[in-house]
Amino acid sequence: MLELRNISKKYKDFNLNNVCITIEDGKYFVLLGKSGSGKSLLLQIIAGLIHPDKGEVIVNGKYITNTKIQNRHIGLVFQDYAIFPHLSIYDNIAFPLKFKRLNKKQISQKVNKLAEKTGVVALLHRKPNTLSGGELQRVALARTLASEPKYLLLDEPLSSLDIQLRSELQSLLRNINKDGITIIHVTHNFEEAISLADKVGIINNGSIIQVGSPKEIFHNPKSKFVANFTGIKNFYNAIIISKNAVLLENKIKVVYISQRENGAGMIMFRSEDIVV
């Protein structure tokens, strides 16, 4: 289990604020938020590239906040892939294996197995500048998996891909997760989140504002921001006027069963819930 406990970080003009998340092993967790909300910064803190000003990163009860990157068993796939341009695809995937004291035969077997798993066998002898975005993403995944991470961090892995490639990569990511690797996937796309995630965390302006299953997030958003982000537009100011009625925007009376007889808040409903 990976736990972020009260993580805070001031980075340039941005602040992460007491972020708390618990991710169970083997799960597919999607961190969902708009650009500039702190998603990528949080990934880099988990990976160990950036140190938090406050808080702890904990894996299975062990505090790893100060643990070296190479000892965390965490792999990070960057949004821009970070493939070595001067190396062949084979050598890119083999790069992490050279630090494991494997012989050439063992490295070759491992590279070919990963290439087959990620669908890049035919690309092994090519250079990165000859590959498409989707192919580079697969290579980046293969290279990261070579280090056998327990946790795989993905920074907007589908953002630059067309619909067909996105669907193919989603299938690959599901299979990687089924192999037992915990995935933490950052995106701004809600549809992407609900198609992949076991659990979703919504982040806005450096703070986690809701965590739950995709169904829970979609059907029970805790704020107008979450509702709008998930595509719900029918969200209104409401005043409770009795135990069975509310007044929307001081204009429309709607039947609503409540335990309270007065008070104010907000109410939302979906278009498919309306019968005329």
Protein backbone atom coordinates (compact mmCIF):
# COMPACT_ATOMS: atom_id res chain seq x y z
CA MET A 1 0.00 0.00 0.00
CA LEU A 2 1.23 3.46 -0.91
CA GLU A 3 0.27 6.32 1.36
CA LEU A 4 0.79 10.06 1.01
CA ARG A 5 0.42 11.67 4.41
CA ASN A 6 0.01 15.45 4.63
CA ILE A 7 2.25 16.18 1.64
CA SER A 8 2.89 19.89 1.16
CA LYS A 9 5.26 21.60 -1.25
CA LYS A 10 5.85 25.17 -2.37
CA TYR A 11 7.20 25.01 -5.92
CA LYS A 12 7.79 28.31 -7.72
CA ASP A 13 4.42 30.08 -7.45
CA PHE A 14 2.44 26.92 -6.68
CA ASN A 15 1.54 25.08 -3.46
CA LEU A 16 0.57 21.50 -2.76
CA ASN A 17 -1.55 21.57 0.39
CA ASN A 18 -1.61 18.67 2.91
CA VAL A 19 -2.30 15.99 0.30
CA CYS A 20 -3.47 12.71 1.81
CA ILE A 21 -4.07 9.65 -0.40
CA THR A 22 -4.03 5.91 0.27
CA ILE A 23 -3.63 3.54 -2.70
CA GLU A 24 -4.01 -0.19 -2.18
CA ASP A 25 -1.59 -2.56 -3.90
CA GLY A 26 -2.72 -3.87 -7.28
CA LYS A 27 -5.17 -1.03 -7.87
CA TYR A 28 -5.42 1.38 -10.79
CA PHE A 29 -5.57 4.87 -9.29
CA VAL A 30 -6.21 7.91 -11.50
CA LEU A 31 -5.32 11.40 -10.29
CA LEU A 32 -7.65 13.71 -12.19
CA GLY A 33 -7.30 17.46 -12.48
CA LYS A 34 -6.90 20.41 -14.79
CA SER A 35 -3.53 21.60 -16.07
CA GLY A 36 -1.56 23.31 -13.31
CA SER A 37 -3.47 21.60 -10.49
CA GLY A 38 -0.37 19.85 -9.06
CA LYS A 39 -0.74 16.37 -10.59
CA SER A 40 2.74 16.07 -12.11
CA LEU A 41 4.39 17.65 -9.07
CA LEU A 42 2.78 15.02 -6.86
CA LEU A 43 4.04 12.21 -9.11
CA GLN A 44 7.59 13.57 -8.92
CA ILE A 45 7.37 13.66 -5.12
CA ILE A 46 6.24 10.02 -5.05
CA ALA A 47 9.07 9.06 -7.41
CA GLY A 48 11.64 10.94 -5.32
CA LEU A 49 12.60 13.53 -7.91
CA ILE A 50 11.32 16.34 -5.69
CA HIS A 51 11.35 16.38 -1.89
CA PRO A 52 8.23 17.63 -0.06
CA ASP A 53 8.51 20.52 2.39
CA LYS A 54 6.25 18.60 4.75
CA GLY A 55 4.64 15.17 4.98
CA GLU A 56 5.60 11.59 4.29
CA VAL A 57 5.56 9.05 1.46
CA ILE A 58 4.95 5.59 2.95
CA VAL A 59 5.05 2.18 1.24
CA ASN A 60 3.70 -0.80 3.18
CA GLY A 61 4.42 0.94 6.47
CA LYS A 62 7.95 1.98 5.50
CA TYR A 63 8.77 5.69 5.31
CA ILE A 64 10.51 6.31 1.96
CA THR A 65 10.39 10.13 1.83
CA ASN A 66 14.18 10.29 2.05
CA THR A 67 14.90 7.03 0.20
CA LYS A 68 16.99 7.26 -2.97
CA ILE A 69 15.09 7.09 -6.28
CA GLN A 70 16.70 3.81 -7.32
CA ASN A 71 15.68 2.11 -4.06
CA ARG A 72 11.98 2.99 -4.12
CA HIS A 73 10.79 0.30 -6.57
CA ILE A 74 8.79 3.04 -8.30
CA GLY A 75 8.85 3.67 -12.05
CA LEU A 76 7.85 6.96 -13.68
CA VAL A 77 6.91 7.39 -17.35
CA PHE A 78 7.23 11.07 -18.25
CA GLN A 79 4.75 12.89 -20.46
CA ASP A 80 7.49 13.55 -23.04
CA TYR A 81 8.67 9.88 -22.83
CA ALA A 82 12.33 10.85 -22.02
CA ILE A 83 13.67 8.25 -24.47
CA PHE A 84 17.44 8.44 -25.11
CA PRO A 85 17.65 9.76 -28.70
CA HIS A 86 21.14 8.37 -29.41
CA LEU A 87 20.26 4.78 -28.44
CA SER A 88 18.33 2.17 -30.39
CA ILE A 89 15.00 1.01 -28.99
CA TYR A 90 16.68 -2.21 -27.87
CA ASP A 91 19.34 -0.28 -25.94
CA ASN A 92 16.75 2.05 -24.43
CA ILE A 93 14.82 -0.88 -22.96
CA ALA A 94 18.07 -2.61 -21.93
CA PHE A 95 19.43 0.48 -20.16
CA PRO A 96 17.99 -0.24 -16.66
CA LEU A 97 19.02 -3.90 -16.94
CA LYS A 98 22.70 -3.03 -17.23
CA PHE A 99 22.69 -2.01 -13.58
CA LYS A 100 21.34 -5.42 -12.48
CA ARG A 101 24.55 -7.31 -13.32
CA LEU A 102 22.84 -9.47 -15.93
CA ASN A 103 24.80 -11.06 -18.77
CA LYS A 104 24.07 -10.31 -22.43
CA LYS A 105 21.87 -13.38 -22.86
CA GLN A 106 19.75 -12.52 -19.84
CA ILE A 107 19.40 -8.91 -20.99
CA SER A 108 18.39 -10.05 -24.48
CA GLN A 109 15.75 -12.41 -23.10
CA LYS A 110 14.35 -9.71 -20.84
CA VAL A 111 14.29 -7.05 -23.56
CA ASN A 112 12.54 -9.34 -26.03
CA LYS A 113 9.97 -10.37 -23.42
CA LEU A 114 9.19 -6.73 -22.61
CA ALA A 115 9.13 -5.80 -26.29
CA GLU A 116 6.61 -8.55 -26.94
CA LYS A 117 4.49 -7.49 -23.99
CA THR A 118 4.38 -3.85 -25.12
CA GLY A 119 4.15 -4.56 -28.86
CA VAL A 120 7.48 -3.09 -29.99
CA VAL A 121 9.37 -6.19 -31.19
CA ALA A 122 9.51 -4.86 -34.77
CA LEU A 123 10.99 -1.56 -33.53
CA LEU A 124 13.96 -2.86 -31.52
CA HIS A 125 16.64 -1.89 -34.04
CA ARG A 126 15.21 1.51 -34.91
CA LYS A 127 16.08 4.92 -33.45
CA PRO A 128 13.58 7.01 -31.47
CA ASN A 129 13.37 9.77 -34.10
CA THR A 130 11.73 7.32 -36.52
CA LEU A 131 8.87 6.41 -34.15
CA SER A 132 5.38 7.83 -33.68
CA GLY A 133 4.09 9.14 -30.35
CA GLY A 134 2.21 5.91 -29.65
CA GLU A 135 5.30 3.82 -30.38
CA LEU A 136 7.47 6.01 -28.15
CA GLN A 137 4.97 5.64 -25.33
CA ARG A 138 5.17 1.84 -25.60
CA VAL A 139 8.97 1.99 -25.56
CA ALA A 140 8.90 4.23 -22.48
CA LEU A 141 6.62 1.72 -20.75
CA ALA A 142 8.87 -1.21 -21.68
CA ARG A 143 11.98 0.58 -20.40
CA THR A 144 10.29 1.49 -17.11
CA LEU A 145 8.97 -2.05 -16.63
CA ALA A 146 12.51 -3.38 -17.11
CA SER A 147 13.37 -2.10 -13.63
CA GLU A 148 10.49 -4.23 -12.22
CA PRO A 149 8.69 -1.47 -10.30
CA LYS A 150 5.99 -2.27 -7.77
CA TYR A 151 4.35 1.07 -8.56
CA LEU A 152 4.07 2.52 -12.06
CA LEU A 153 3.53 6.29 -12.32
CA LEU A 154 2.15 7.62 -15.61
CA ASP A 155 2.12 11.34 -16.44
CA GLU A 156 -0.62 12.01 -19.03
CA PRO A 157 0.23 8.82 -20.98
CA LEU A 158 -2.62 9.14 -23.49
CA SER A 159 -2.79 12.90 -24.02
CA SER A 160 -0.98 13.09 -27.37
CA LEU A 161 -2.48 9.97 -28.97
CA ASP A 162 -5.34 9.65 -31.46
CA ILE A 163 -8.48 7.67 -30.58
CA GLN A 164 -7.29 4.35 -32.03
CA LEU A 165 -3.86 4.48 -30.39
CA ARG A 166 -5.42 5.62 -27.13
CA SER A 167 -7.71 2.59 -27.09
CA GLU A 168 -4.80 0.22 -27.80
CA LEU A 169 -2.66 1.73 -25.05
CA GLN A 170 -5.52 1.62 -22.56
CA SER A 171 -5.76 -2.12 -23.21
CA LEU A 172 -2.01 -2.48 -22.63
CA LEU A 173 -2.20 -0.51 -19.36
CA ARG A 174 -5.05 -2.71 -18.11
CA ASN A 175 -2.98 -5.82 -18.83
CA ILE A 176 0.03 -4.37 -16.99
CA ASN A 177 -2.22 -3.66 -14.01
CA LYS A 178 -3.66 -7.19 -14.14
CA ASP A 179 -0.10 -8.50 -13.77
CA GLY A 180 -0.15 -7.04 -10.26
CA ILE A 181 1.57 -3.69 -10.79
CA THR A 182 -0.09 -0.79 -8.98
CA ILE A 183 -0.65 2.10 -11.41
CA ILE A 184 -0.97 5.78 -10.55
CA HIS A 185 -2.10 7.58 -13.68
CA VAL A 186 -2.33 11.36 -14.03
CA THR A 187 -4.78 12.89 -16.51
CA HIS A 188 -7.11 15.84 -17.13
CA ASN A 189 -9.58 13.61 -19.04
CA PHE A 190 -12.55 12.30 -17.03
CA GLU A 191 -13.56 9.73 -19.67
CA GLU A 192 -10.03 8.34 -19.52
CA ALA A 193 -10.33 8.07 -15.75
CA ILE A 194 -13.65 6.20 -15.68
CA SER A 195 -12.50 3.74 -18.36
CA LEU A 196 -9.39 2.67 -16.43
CA ALA A 197 -9.59 3.50 -12.74
CA ASP A 198 -10.55 1.44 -9.72
CA LYS A 199 -10.33 4.67 -7.76
CA VAL A 200 -10.15 8.35 -8.71
CA GLY A 201 -8.71 11.30 -6.82
CA ILE A 202 -9.76 14.80 -7.88
CA ILE A 203 -7.10 17.48 -7.37
CA ASN A 204 -7.63 21.23 -7.73
CA ASN A 205 -5.21 24.05 -6.89
CA GLY A 206 -2.90 21.68 -5.04
CA SER A 207 -5.57 20.09 -2.83
CA ILE A 208 -7.36 16.74 -3.03
CA ILE A 209 -11.05 17.53 -2.98
CA GLN A 210 -12.62 14.09 -3.47
CA VAL A 211 -11.51 10.45 -3.66
CA GLY A 212 -13.74 7.52 -4.59
CA SER A 213 -14.66 4.98 -7.24
CA PRO A 214 -15.56 6.40 -10.68
CA LYS A 215 -19.20 5.58 -9.91
CA GLU A 216 -19.06 7.42 -6.58
CA ILE A 217 -17.39 10.46 -8.13
CA PHE A 218 -19.88 10.60 -10.99
CA HIS A 219 -23.05 10.00 -8.99
CA ASN A 220 -22.12 11.85 -5.80
CA PRO A 221 -19.83 14.80 -6.58
CA LYS A 222 -18.99 16.72 -3.42
CA SER A 223 -18.72 20.14 -5.02
CA LYS A 224 -19.73 22.15 -8.06
CA PHE A 225 -16.15 21.91 -9.34
CA VAL A 226 -16.24 18.10 -9.30
CA ALA A 227 -19.70 18.05 -10.89
CA ASN A 228 -18.63 20.34 -13.72
CA PHE A 229 -15.40 18.42 -14.19
CA THR A 230 -17.32 15.17 -14.61
CA GLY A 231 -19.63 16.76 -17.17
CA ILE A 232 -22.65 17.50 -14.97
CA LYS A 233 -24.02 20.92 -15.91
CA ASN A 234 -27.33 20.92 -14.03
CA PHE A 235 -25.99 22.23 -10.73
CA TYR A 236 -27.94 24.93 -8.89
CA ASN A 237 -28.07 27.00 -5.71
CA ALA A 238 -30.90 25.68 -3.55
CA ILE A 239 -32.84 26.70 -0.45
CA ILE A 240 -34.76 24.08 1.57
CA ILE A 241 -38.27 25.36 2.12
CA SER A 242 -39.78 22.20 3.66
CA LYS A 243 -39.00 18.52 4.24
CA ASN A 244 -40.14 17.70 0.71
CA ALA A 245 -39.27 20.76 -1.38
CA VAL A 246 -36.41 23.06 -2.33
CA LEU A 247 -36.30 26.30 -4.27
CA LEU A 248 -33.75 26.42 -7.10
CA GLU A 249 -32.12 29.79 -7.80
CA ASN A 250 -35.00 31.43 -5.88
CA LYS A 251 -37.29 30.63 -8.79
CA ILE A 252 -38.24 26.97 -9.29
CA LYS A 253 -39.82 24.75 -6.66
CA VAL A 254 -38.68 21.12 -6.87
CA VAL A 255 -39.75 18.08 -4.86
CA TYR A 256 -36.83 16.86 -2.78
CA ILE A 257 -36.96 14.56 0.24
CA SER A 258 -34.85 15.93 3.09
CA GLN A 259 -34.44 15.42 6.81
CA ARG A 260 -34.18 19.18 7.25
CA GLU A 261 -36.83 21.87 7.04
CA ASN A 262 -34.54 24.77 6.24
CA GLY A 263 -31.05 25.61 5.09
CA ALA A 264 -29.16 26.34 1.89
CA GLY A 265 -26.81 24.43 -0.36
CA MET A 266 -26.57 23.17 -3.90
CA ILE A 267 -28.46 20.50 -5.81
CA MET A 268 -27.55 18.67 -8.99
CA PHE A 269 -29.32 16.32 -11.35
CA ARG A 270 -28.53 14.74 -14.70
CA SER A 271 -30.39 15.24 -17.93
CA GLU A 272 -31.30 11.53 -18.07
CA ASP A 273 -33.04 11.84 -14.69
CA ILE A 274 -35.56 14.36 -16.04
CA VAL A 275 -38.93 13.13 -17.34
CA VAL A 276 -41.23 15.64 -19.05
